[in-house]
Every structure is written in C-alpha cells, then in structure tokens.
Amino acid sequence: MIIYGYLLIRPGWTGFADKTFWDYLDLLIVPVALALGLYWLSWSQSKREREAEEAQQQRERQAQAAQRERELEIENQRAQDEAVRLYLDQISHLLTNRDQPLWRARPGDHSSALARARTFTLLPGLDSGRKGSIVRFLYESGLIAKDTSSFLLNETDLTQVRLRKANLSEANLSGANLVRADLARANLAGARLEGANLDGANLGEANLGGANLGEANLHRASLHETYLQDLRGGS
C-alpha cells in the first residue's frame, strides 16, 4: 500500500469502481449516436429544404422563360400582321394608281419593280400561312398570271409556303423558291413552274396538268397521285 498524504492507493486500483474501458465506452455510445442522429436529421432537413427551394426557383425560371417566349411569339405575330397590312395597303395603292395601275404594268416597269421589291422584302419574315395568303392575294389580283404577270416571283422566299388546295391555275411561279412548300391538292394546271425549286415540296394529289416544269427541281418532292398529264418543258 502506498500512502500519499491522506490518500491511500492500493496497487491495481483504478479509481473507477472496477468499471472497464468498454463499460464507459458503452455509456458514451448512446449520447454520441443521438448527437450524430440529430446532426444527420438537421442536415437532411436542410438539404431537402435547399433542394425544394432550388426546384421552386427552377420552376419559376421555366415559367418566366415560357411566359417570355409566349410574349415574344405574340409580338412576332403582331409584327407579321402589321407587315402584311402595310404591304396590302401599298399594293392596293399601286393597283389603283390612275397614271400607271399595277395590274397593267409589266416586269421592269417602275410600279412593277416597286411591287416586286416590297414582296421580295416581305416574304422572308412571314410564316407559312401568311406567305400563302400573300400568294393567293397576288394571284386573285391578277398580278402573277401566266402570260400577263405584272412582276415575277423568281428567287422570292416561298419556302414552306402553305398553299394546300389553293387554286393557282395558270399562275406564274417560275423561278420561285418553293422548298418544302405544301401544295397538296392544289390546282396548278397550266402553271409556269420552270426553274422553280420544289425540293421536298408536297405535291400529293395536286393538278399539274399542262404545267411547265422545265428545269424545275423536284428532288425529294412528294408526287403521290399527282396529275402529271401534258407536262411541258420536261421535269
């Protein structure tokens, strides 16, 4: 026995009432596990809240982008409508000009060149349906008749124009860019299409009887049940 002041220490005594290290380790496991569990729950909750907030922000950004896209589309539609309205006013004015009405003009005349320039400028900014409306207007006004065209549509942008079931009999569309145009079931009998680019155009069930297709590009064009009798100029 060793005496230190008034404290008697027996050899082999640990001062912990004979409890081992593992006994005390067991006592520490529960509070440590609880602390870790609480930390994990808090972290998980924070993570879920962050993810929920980020998802909400993402939905809001997508909604804002969709709204902006709709607004831009509406603005674009209005701009196209205004451009068409202005064009129709201009062409109508030329048609009723007392000195040189457009319907009497021929390619190369002043009014003809002006009408062609305005048409050439307008068409690229229009969608398929509005392009079709312009072509119908020009045809019904007698401006693109086969033998008496006031001006030519050669090289004008009529890509993807929608002219399904349109009556364009004997229209002058020579040299026009009609790539992927929808001309299904259209009446193009006797029309001038020489040099026209009809690559990928839909001509299904269209009437091309007597049409002039000399040097026209019909690559990938759909000709399902297309009437092709009495063609002129070859294909």
C-alpha atoms as a PDB file:
ATOM      1  CA  MET A   1       0.000   0.000   0.000  1.00  0.00           C
ATOM      2  CA  ILE A   2       1.292   3.436  -0.919  1.00  0.00           C
ATOM      3  CA  ILE A   3       0.452   6.453   1.192  1.00  0.00           C
ATOM      4  CA  TYR A   4       0.235   9.891  -0.468  1.00  0.00           C
ATOM      5  CA  GLY A   5      -0.752  12.340   2.251  1.00  0.00           C
ATOM      6  CA  TYR A   6      -4.144  11.113   3.461  1.00  0.00           C
ATOM      7  CA  LEU A   7      -4.944   9.224   0.232  1.00  0.00           C
ATOM      8  CA  LEU A   8      -4.314   5.537   0.343  1.00  0.00           C
ATOM      9  CA  ILE A   9      -3.850   3.974  -3.042  1.00  0.00           C
ATOM     10  CA  ARG A  10      -3.833   0.242  -3.352  1.00  0.00           C
ATOM     11  CA  PRO A  11      -1.841  -1.362  -6.089  1.00  0.00           C
ATOM     12  CA  GLY A  12      -4.085  -2.277  -9.056  1.00  0.00           C
ATOM     13  CA  TRP A  13      -6.920   0.120  -8.108  1.00  0.00           C
ATOM     14  CA  THR A  14      -8.117   2.283 -10.986  1.00  0.00           C
ATOM     15  CA  GLY A  15     -10.350   4.628  -9.029  1.00  0.00           C
ATOM     16  CA  PHE A  16     -13.382   3.789 -11.275  1.00  0.00           C
ATOM     17  CA  ALA A  17     -15.140   1.263  -9.102  1.00  0.00           C
ATOM     18  CA  ASP A  18     -13.804  -1.625 -11.109  1.00  0.00           C
ATOM     19  CA  LYS A  19     -15.518  -0.454 -14.397  1.00  0.00           C
ATOM     20  CA  THR A  20     -13.608  -1.300 -17.564  1.00  0.00           C
ATOM     21  CA  PHE A  21     -12.884   0.968 -20.543  1.00  0.00           C
ATOM     22  CA  TRP A  22     -15.553  -0.791 -22.593  1.00  0.00           C
ATOM     23  CA  ASP A  23     -18.129  -0.156 -19.893  1.00  0.00           C
ATOM     24  CA  TYR A  24     -17.540   3.572 -20.133  1.00  0.00           C
ATOM     25  CA  LEU A  25     -17.405   3.382 -23.916  1.00  0.00           C
ATOM     26  CA  ASP A  26     -20.874   1.871 -23.855  1.00  0.00           C
ATOM     27  CA  LEU A  27     -22.058   4.821 -21.805  1.00  0.00           C
ATOM     28  CA  LEU A  28     -20.691   7.240 -24.424  1.00  0.00           C
ATOM     29  CA  ILE A  29     -22.169   5.477 -27.471  1.00  0.00           C
ATOM     30  CA  VAL A  30     -25.773   6.489 -26.788  1.00  0.00           C
ATOM     31  CA  PRO A  31     -25.248  10.263 -26.457  1.00  0.00           C
ATOM     32  CA  VAL A  32     -22.788  10.285 -29.350  1.00  0.00           C
ATOM     33  CA  ALA A  33     -25.238   8.323 -31.503  1.00  0.00           C
ATOM     34  CA  LEU A  34     -28.041  10.700 -30.525  1.00  0.00           C
ATOM     35  CA  ALA A  35     -25.872  13.697 -31.352  1.00  0.00           C
ATOM     36  CA  LEU A  36     -24.921  12.220 -34.714  1.00  0.00           C
ATOM     37  CA  GLY A  37     -28.550  11.300 -35.434  1.00  0.00           C
ATOM     38  CA  LEU A  38     -29.727  14.804 -34.630  1.00  0.00           C
ATOM     39  CA  TYR A  39     -26.989  16.270 -36.812  1.00  0.00           C
ATOM     40  CA  TRP A  40     -27.904  13.961 -39.686  1.00  0.00           C
ATOM     41  CA  LEU A  41     -31.613  14.809 -39.361  1.00  0.00           C
ATOM     42  CA  SER A  42     -30.810  18.514 -39.288  1.00  0.00           C
ATOM     43  CA  TRP A  43     -28.510  18.184 -42.304  1.00  0.00           C
ATOM     44  CA  SER A  44     -31.075  16.098 -44.209  1.00  0.00           C
ATOM     45  CA  GLN A  45     -33.812  18.583 -43.441  1.00  0.00           C
ATOM     46  CA  SER A  46     -31.617  21.471 -44.580  1.00  0.00           C
ATOM     47  CA  LYS A  47     -30.715  19.577 -47.734  1.00  0.00           C
ATOM     48  CA  ARG A  48     -34.376  18.865 -48.537  1.00  0.00           C
ATOM     49  CA  GLU A  49     -35.248  22.495 -47.953  1.00  0.00           C
ATOM     50  CA  ARG A  50     -32.413  23.622 -50.234  1.00  0.00           C
ATOM     51  CA  GLU A  51     -33.452  21.164 -52.926  1.00  0.00           C
ATOM     52  CA  ALA A  52     -37.099  22.221 -52.625  1.00  0.00           C
ATOM     53  CA  GLU A  53     -36.091  25.874 -52.867  1.00  0.00           C
ATOM     54  CA  GLU A  54     -33.872  25.213 -55.875  1.00  0.00           C
ATOM     55  CA  ALA A  55     -36.655  23.207 -57.556  1.00  0.00           C
ATOM     56  CA  GLN A  56     -39.106  26.047 -56.919  1.00  0.00           C
ATOM     57  CA  GLN A  57     -36.654  28.570 -58.332  1.00  0.00           C
ATOM     58  CA  GLN A  58     -36.142  26.338 -61.374  1.00  0.00           C
ATOM     59  CA  ARG A  59     -39.908  26.097 -61.926  1.00  0.00           C
ATOM     60  CA  GLU A  60     -40.201  29.866 -61.606  1.00  0.00           C
ATOM     61  CA  ARG A  61     -37.386  30.383 -64.120  1.00  0.00           C
ATOM     62  CA  GLN A  62     -39.019  27.941 -66.533  1.00  0.00           C
ATOM     63  CA  ALA A  63     -42.396  29.637 -66.101  1.00  0.00           C
ATOM     64  CA  GLN A  64     -40.818  33.039 -66.712  1.00  0.00           C
ATOM     65  CA  ALA A  65     -38.999  31.728 -69.796  1.00  0.00           C
ATOM     66  CA  ALA A  66     -42.220  30.181 -71.128  1.00  0.00           C
ATOM     67  CA  GLN A  67     -44.093  33.419 -70.471  1.00  0.00           C
ATOM     68  CA  ARG A  68     -41.397  35.427 -72.222  1.00  0.00           C
ATOM     69  CA  GLU A  69     -41.485  33.016 -75.161  1.00  0.00           C
ATOM     70  CA  ARG A  70     -45.271  33.431 -75.424  1.00  0.00           C
ATOM     71  CA  GLU A  71     -44.896  37.210 -75.281  1.00  0.00           C
ATOM     72  CA  LEU A  72     -42.251  37.138 -78.000  1.00  0.00           C
ATOM     73  CA  GLU A  73     -44.459  34.916 -80.156  1.00  0.00           C
ATOM     74  CA  ILE A  74     -47.392  37.292 -79.705  1.00  0.00           C
ATOM     75  CA  GLU A  75     -45.150  40.231 -80.596  1.00  0.00           C
ATOM     76  CA  ASN A  76     -43.908  38.351 -83.651  1.00  0.00           C
ATOM     77  CA  GLN A  77     -47.449  37.549 -84.775  1.00  0.00           C
ATOM     78  CA  ARG A  78     -48.472  41.173 -84.361  1.00  0.00           C
ATOM     79  CA  ALA A  79     -45.402  42.338 -86.266  1.00  0.00           C
ATOM     80  CA  GLN A  80     -46.229  39.958 -89.124  1.00  0.00           C
ATOM     81  CA  ASP A  81     -49.850  41.106 -89.189  1.00  0.00           C
ATOM     82  CA  GLU A  82     -48.749  44.730 -89.312  1.00  0.00           C
ATOM     83  CA  ALA A  83     -46.233  43.992 -92.080  1.00  0.00           C
ATOM     84  CA  VAL A  84     -48.916  42.222 -94.132  1.00  0.00           C
ATOM     85  CA  ARG A  85     -51.405  45.038 -93.546  1.00  0.00           C
ATOM     86  CA  LEU A  86     -48.894  47.653 -94.681  1.00  0.00           C
ATOM     87  CA  TYR A  87     -47.941  45.566 -97.726  1.00  0.00           C
ATOM     88  CA  LEU A  88     -51.558  45.085 -98.802  1.00  0.00           C
ATOM     89  CA  ASP A  89     -52.151  48.822 -98.448  1.00  0.00           C
ATOM     90  CA  GLN A  90     -49.107  49.570-100.599  1.00  0.00           C
ATOM     91  CA  ILE A  91     -50.007  47.061-103.322  1.00  0.00           C
ATOM     92  CA  SER A  92     -53.641  48.161-103.294  1.00  0.00           C
ATOM     93  CA  HIS A  93     -52.475  51.748-103.781  1.00  0.00           C
ATOM     94  CA  LEU A  94     -50.350  50.665-106.741  1.00  0.00           C
ATOM     95  CA  LEU A  95     -53.267  48.720-108.194  1.00  0.00           C
ATOM     96  CA  THR A  96     -55.498  51.777-108.149  1.00  0.00           C
ATOM     97  CA  ASN A  97     -52.891  54.255-109.346  1.00  0.00           C
ATOM     98  CA  ARG A  98     -54.543  56.361-112.049  1.00  0.00           C
ATOM     99  CA  ASP A  99     -51.457  57.015-114.122  1.00  0.00           C
ATOM    100  CA  GLN A 100     -49.980  53.506-114.136  1.00  0.00           C
ATOM    101  CA  PRO A 101     -52.069  50.903-112.327  1.00  0.00           C
ATOM    102  CA  LEU A 102     -50.053  47.893-111.283  1.00  0.00           C
ATOM    103  CA  TRP A 103     -52.379  45.423-112.944  1.00  0.00           C
ATOM    104  CA  ARG A 104     -51.396  46.907-116.314  1.00  0.00           C
ATOM    105  CA  ALA A 105     -47.674  47.028-115.567  1.00  0.00           C
ATOM    106  CA  ARG A 106     -45.152  44.550-116.919  1.00  0.00           C
ATOM    107  CA  PRO A 107     -41.894  43.283-115.401  1.00  0.00           C
ATOM    108  CA  GLY A 108     -39.358  46.090-115.490  1.00  0.00           C
ATOM    109  CA  ASP A 109     -41.853  48.935-115.163  1.00  0.00           C
ATOM    110  CA  HIS A 110     -41.428  51.303-112.226  1.00  0.00           C
ATOM    111  CA  SER A 111     -44.536  50.128-110.351  1.00  0.00           C
ATOM    112  CA  SER A 112     -43.680  46.519-111.136  1.00  0.00           C
ATOM    113  CA  ALA A 113     -40.164  46.892-109.737  1.00  0.00           C
ATOM    114  CA  LEU A 114     -41.546  48.573-106.633  1.00  0.00           C
ATOM    115  CA  ALA A 115     -44.113  45.829-106.043  1.00  0.00           C
ATOM    116  CA  ARG A 116     -41.530  43.107-106.566  1.00  0.00           C
ATOM    117  CA  ALA A 117     -39.083  44.772-104.160  1.00  0.00           C
ATOM    118  CA  ARG A 118     -41.728  45.042-101.451  1.00  0.00           C
ATOM    119  CA  THR A 119     -42.813  41.452-101.996  1.00  0.00           C
ATOM    120  CA  PHE A 120     -39.223  40.205-102.011  1.00  0.00           C
ATOM    121  CA  THR A 121     -38.585  42.024 -98.709  1.00  0.00           C
ATOM    122  CA  LEU A 122     -41.811  40.953 -97.004  1.00  0.00           C
ATOM    123  CA  LEU A 123     -41.938  37.213 -97.606  1.00  0.00           C
ATOM    124  CA  PRO A 124     -38.859  36.033 -95.634  1.00  0.00           C
ATOM    125  CA  GLY A 125     -40.314  37.436 -92.406  1.00  0.00           C
ATOM    126  CA  LEU A 126     -43.656  35.634 -92.701  1.00  0.00           C
ATOM    127  CA  ASP A 127     -44.753  32.226 -91.533  1.00  0.00           C
ATOM    128  CA  SER A 128     -46.103  29.555 -93.881  1.00  0.00           C
ATOM    129  CA  GLY A 129     -49.742  30.563 -93.644  1.00  0.00           C
ATOM    130  CA  ARG A 130     -49.168  34.271 -94.235  1.00  0.00           C
ATOM    131  CA  LYS A 131     -46.905  33.521 -97.191  1.00  0.00           C
ATOM    132  CA  GLY A 132     -49.757  31.520 -98.660  1.00  0.00           C
ATOM    133  CA  SER A 133     -52.156  34.416 -98.106  1.00  0.00           C
ATOM    134  CA  ILE A 134     -49.835  36.780 -99.997  1.00  0.00           C
ATOM    135  CA  VAL A 135     -49.563  34.393-102.962  1.00  0.00           C
ATOM    136  CA  ARG A 136     -53.346  33.999-103.074  1.00  0.00           C
ATOM    137  CA  PHE A 137     -53.779  37.781-102.958  1.00  0.00           C
ATOM    138  CA  LEU A 138     -51.331  38.300-105.825  1.00  0.00           C
ATOM    139  CA  TYR A 139     -52.998  35.580-107.868  1.00  0.00           C
ATOM    140  CA  GLU A 140     -56.536  36.780-107.260  1.00  0.00           C
ATOM    141  CA  SER A 141     -55.435  40.332-108.092  1.00  0.00           C
ATOM    142  CA  GLY A 142     -54.193  39.081-111.462  1.00  0.00           C
ATOM    143  CA  LEU A 143     -50.608  40.111-110.734  1.00  0.00           C
ATOM    144  CA  ILE A 144     -48.966  36.715-111.257  1.00  0.00           C
ATOM    145  CA  ALA A 145     -50.942  35.417-114.221  1.00  0.00           C
ATOM    146  CA  LYS A 146     -49.086  33.085-116.552  1.00  0.00           C
ATOM    147  CA  ASP A 147     -48.859  35.319-119.606  1.00  0.00           C
ATOM    148  CA  THR A 148     -49.562  38.772-118.174  1.00  0.00           C
ATOM    149  CA  SER A 149     -47.601  38.866-114.896  1.00  0.00           C
ATOM    150  CA  SER A 150     -47.132  42.351-113.501  1.00  0.00           C
ATOM    151  CA  PHE A 151     -43.965  41.170-111.784  1.00  0.00           C
ATOM    152  CA  LEU A 152     -42.097  37.932-111.268  1.00  0.00           C
ATOM    153  CA  LEU A 153     -41.683  35.853-108.127  1.00  0.00           C
ATOM    154  CA  ASN A 154     -38.404  34.327-109.226  1.00  0.00           C
ATOM    155  CA  GLU A 155     -35.995  33.848-106.297  1.00  0.00           C
ATOM    156  CA  THR A 156     -38.598  35.047-103.791  1.00  0.00           C
ATOM    157  CA  ASP A 157     -38.673  33.187-100.490  1.00  0.00           C
ATOM    158  CA  LEU A 158     -41.717  30.919-100.555  1.00  0.00           C
ATOM    159  CA  THR A 159     -40.092  28.153 -98.511  1.00  0.00           C
ATOM    160  CA  GLN A 160     -42.657  26.045 -96.657  1.00  0.00           C
ATOM    161  CA  VAL A 161     -45.482  28.193 -98.035  1.00  0.00           C
ATOM    162  CA  ARG A 162     -48.891  26.733 -97.217  1.00  0.00           C
ATOM    163  CA  LEU A 163     -50.984  26.535-100.385  1.00  0.00           C
ATOM    164  CA  ARG A 164     -52.882  23.314 -99.807  1.00  0.00           C
ATOM    165  CA  LYS A 165     -55.960  23.139-102.056  1.00  0.00           C
ATOM    166  CA  ALA A 166     -55.152  26.588-103.490  1.00  0.00           C
ATOM    167  CA  ASN A 167     -56.406  27.452-106.956  1.00  0.00           C
ATOM    168  CA  LEU A 168     -53.338  28.657-108.829  1.00  0.00           C
ATOM    169  CA  SER A 169     -54.330  27.606-112.299  1.00  0.00           C
ATOM    170  CA  GLU A 170     -52.018  29.206-114.874  1.00  0.00           C
ATOM    171  CA  ALA A 171     -50.143  31.146-112.188  1.00  0.00           C
ATOM    172  CA  ASN A 172     -46.618  32.316-112.924  1.00  0.00           C
ATOM    173  CA  LEU A 173     -44.360  30.832-110.240  1.00  0.00           C
ATOM    174  CA  SER A 174     -41.314  30.429-112.429  1.00  0.00           C
ATOM    175  CA  GLY A 175     -38.029  30.532-110.538  1.00  0.00           C
ATOM    176  CA  ALA A 176     -39.732  30.772-107.131  1.00  0.00           C
ATOM    177  CA  ASN A 177     -38.127  29.175-104.081  1.00  0.00           C
ATOM    178  CA  LEU A 178     -40.784  26.633-103.110  1.00  0.00           C
ATOM    179  CA  VAL A 179     -38.631  24.343-100.972  1.00  0.00           C
ATOM    180  CA  ARG A 180     -40.854  22.153 -98.740  1.00  0.00           C
ATOM    181  CA  ALA A 181     -43.945  24.032 -99.924  1.00  0.00           C
ATOM    182  CA  ASP A 182     -47.312  22.469 -99.111  1.00  0.00           C
ATOM    183  CA  LEU A 183     -49.089  22.301-102.465  1.00  0.00           C
ATOM    184  CA  ALA A 184     -51.088  19.162-101.783  1.00  0.00           C
ATOM    185  CA  ARG A 185     -54.297  19.024-103.837  1.00  0.00           C
ATOM    186  CA  ALA A 186     -53.552  22.474-105.265  1.00  0.00           C
ATOM    187  CA  ASN A 187     -54.742  23.329-108.768  1.00  0.00           C
ATOM    188  CA  LEU A 188     -51.603  24.198-110.722  1.00  0.00           C
ATOM    189  CA  ALA A 189     -52.956  23.281-114.130  1.00  0.00           C
ATOM    190  CA  GLY A 190     -51.083  25.154-116.820  1.00  0.00           C
ATOM    191  CA  ALA A 191     -48.927  26.969-114.255  1.00  0.00           C
ATOM    192  CA  ARG A 192     -45.451  28.203-115.063  1.00  0.00           C
ATOM    193  CA  LEU A 193     -43.019  26.470-112.729  1.00  0.00           C
ATOM    194  CA  GLU A 194     -39.929  26.418-114.902  1.00  0.00           C
ATOM    195  CA  GLY A 195     -36.794  26.794-112.825  1.00  0.00           C
ATOM    196  CA  ALA A 196     -38.787  26.656-109.576  1.00  0.00           C
ATOM    197  CA  ASN A 197     -37.119  24.985-106.616  1.00  0.00           C
ATOM    198  CA  LEU A 198     -39.627  22.386-105.420  1.00  0.00           C
ATOM    199  CA  ASP A 199     -37.154  20.380-103.352  1.00  0.00           C
ATOM    200  CA  GLY A 200     -39.121  18.472-100.713  1.00  0.00           C
ATOM    201  CA  ALA A 201     -42.415  20.063-101.730  1.00  0.00           C
ATOM    202  CA  ASN A 202     -45.672  18.227-101.104  1.00  0.00           C
ATOM    203  CA  LEU A 203     -47.475  17.922-104.452  1.00  0.00           C
ATOM    204  CA  GLY A 204     -49.629  14.981-103.446  1.00  0.00           C
ATOM    205  CA  GLU A 205     -52.880  14.880-105.442  1.00  0.00           C
ATOM    206  CA  ALA A 206     -52.073  18.269-106.978  1.00  0.00           C
ATOM    207  CA  ASN A 207     -53.154  19.026-110.540  1.00  0.00           C
ATOM    208  CA  LEU A 208     -50.085  19.778-112.646  1.00  0.00           C
ATOM    209  CA  GLY A 209     -51.736  19.057-115.960  1.00  0.00           C
ATOM    210  CA  GLY A 210     -50.181  21.167-118.683  1.00  0.00           C
ATOM    211  CA  ALA A 211     -47.796  22.878-116.253  1.00  0.00           C
ATOM    212  CA  ASN A 212     -44.349  23.958-117.381  1.00  0.00           C
ATOM    213  CA  LEU A 213     -41.732  22.245-115.212  1.00  0.00           C
ATOM    214  CA  GLY A 214     -38.698  22.922-117.378  1.00  0.00           C
ATOM    215  CA  GLU A 215     -35.538  22.768-115.228  1.00  0.00           C
ATOM    216  CA  ALA A 216     -37.643  22.706-112.049  1.00  0.00           C
ATOM    217  CA  ASN A 217     -36.011  20.988-109.063  1.00  0.00           C
ATOM    218  CA  LEU A 218     -38.293  18.170-107.907  1.00  0.00           C
ATOM    219  CA  HIS A 219     -35.733  16.440-105.706  1.00  0.00           C
ATOM    220  CA  ARG A 220     -37.470  14.706-102.767  1.00  0.00           C
ATOM    221  CA  ALA A 221     -40.824  16.193-103.830  1.00  0.00           C
ATOM    222  CA  SER A 222     -43.889  14.111-102.969  1.00  0.00           C
ATOM    223  CA  LEU A 223     -45.804  13.261-106.151  1.00  0.00           C
ATOM    224  CA  HIS A 224     -48.276  10.765-104.718  1.00  0.00           C
ATOM    225  CA  GLU A 225     -51.275  10.617-107.054  1.00  0.00           C
ATOM    226  CA  THR A 226     -50.214  13.914-108.651  1.00  0.00           C
ATOM    227  CA  TYR A 227     -51.833  14.622-112.008  1.00  0.00           C
ATOM    228  CA  LEU A 228     -48.947  14.998-114.446  1.00  0.00           C
ATOM    229  CA  GLN A 229     -50.544  14.777-117.878  1.00  0.00           C
ATOM    230  CA  ASP A 230     -49.439  17.005-120.737  1.00  0.00           C
ATOM    231  CA  LEU A 231     -46.461  18.482-118.881  1.00  0.00           C
ATOM    232  CA  ARG A 232     -44.389  20.999-120.768  1.00  0.00           C
ATOM    233  CA  GLY A 233     -40.709  21.713-120.569  1.00  0.00           C
ATOM    234  CA  GLY A 234     -39.800  18.349-119.047  1.00  0.00           C
ATOM    235  CA  SER A 235     -39.084  17.682-115.345  1.00  0.00           C
END
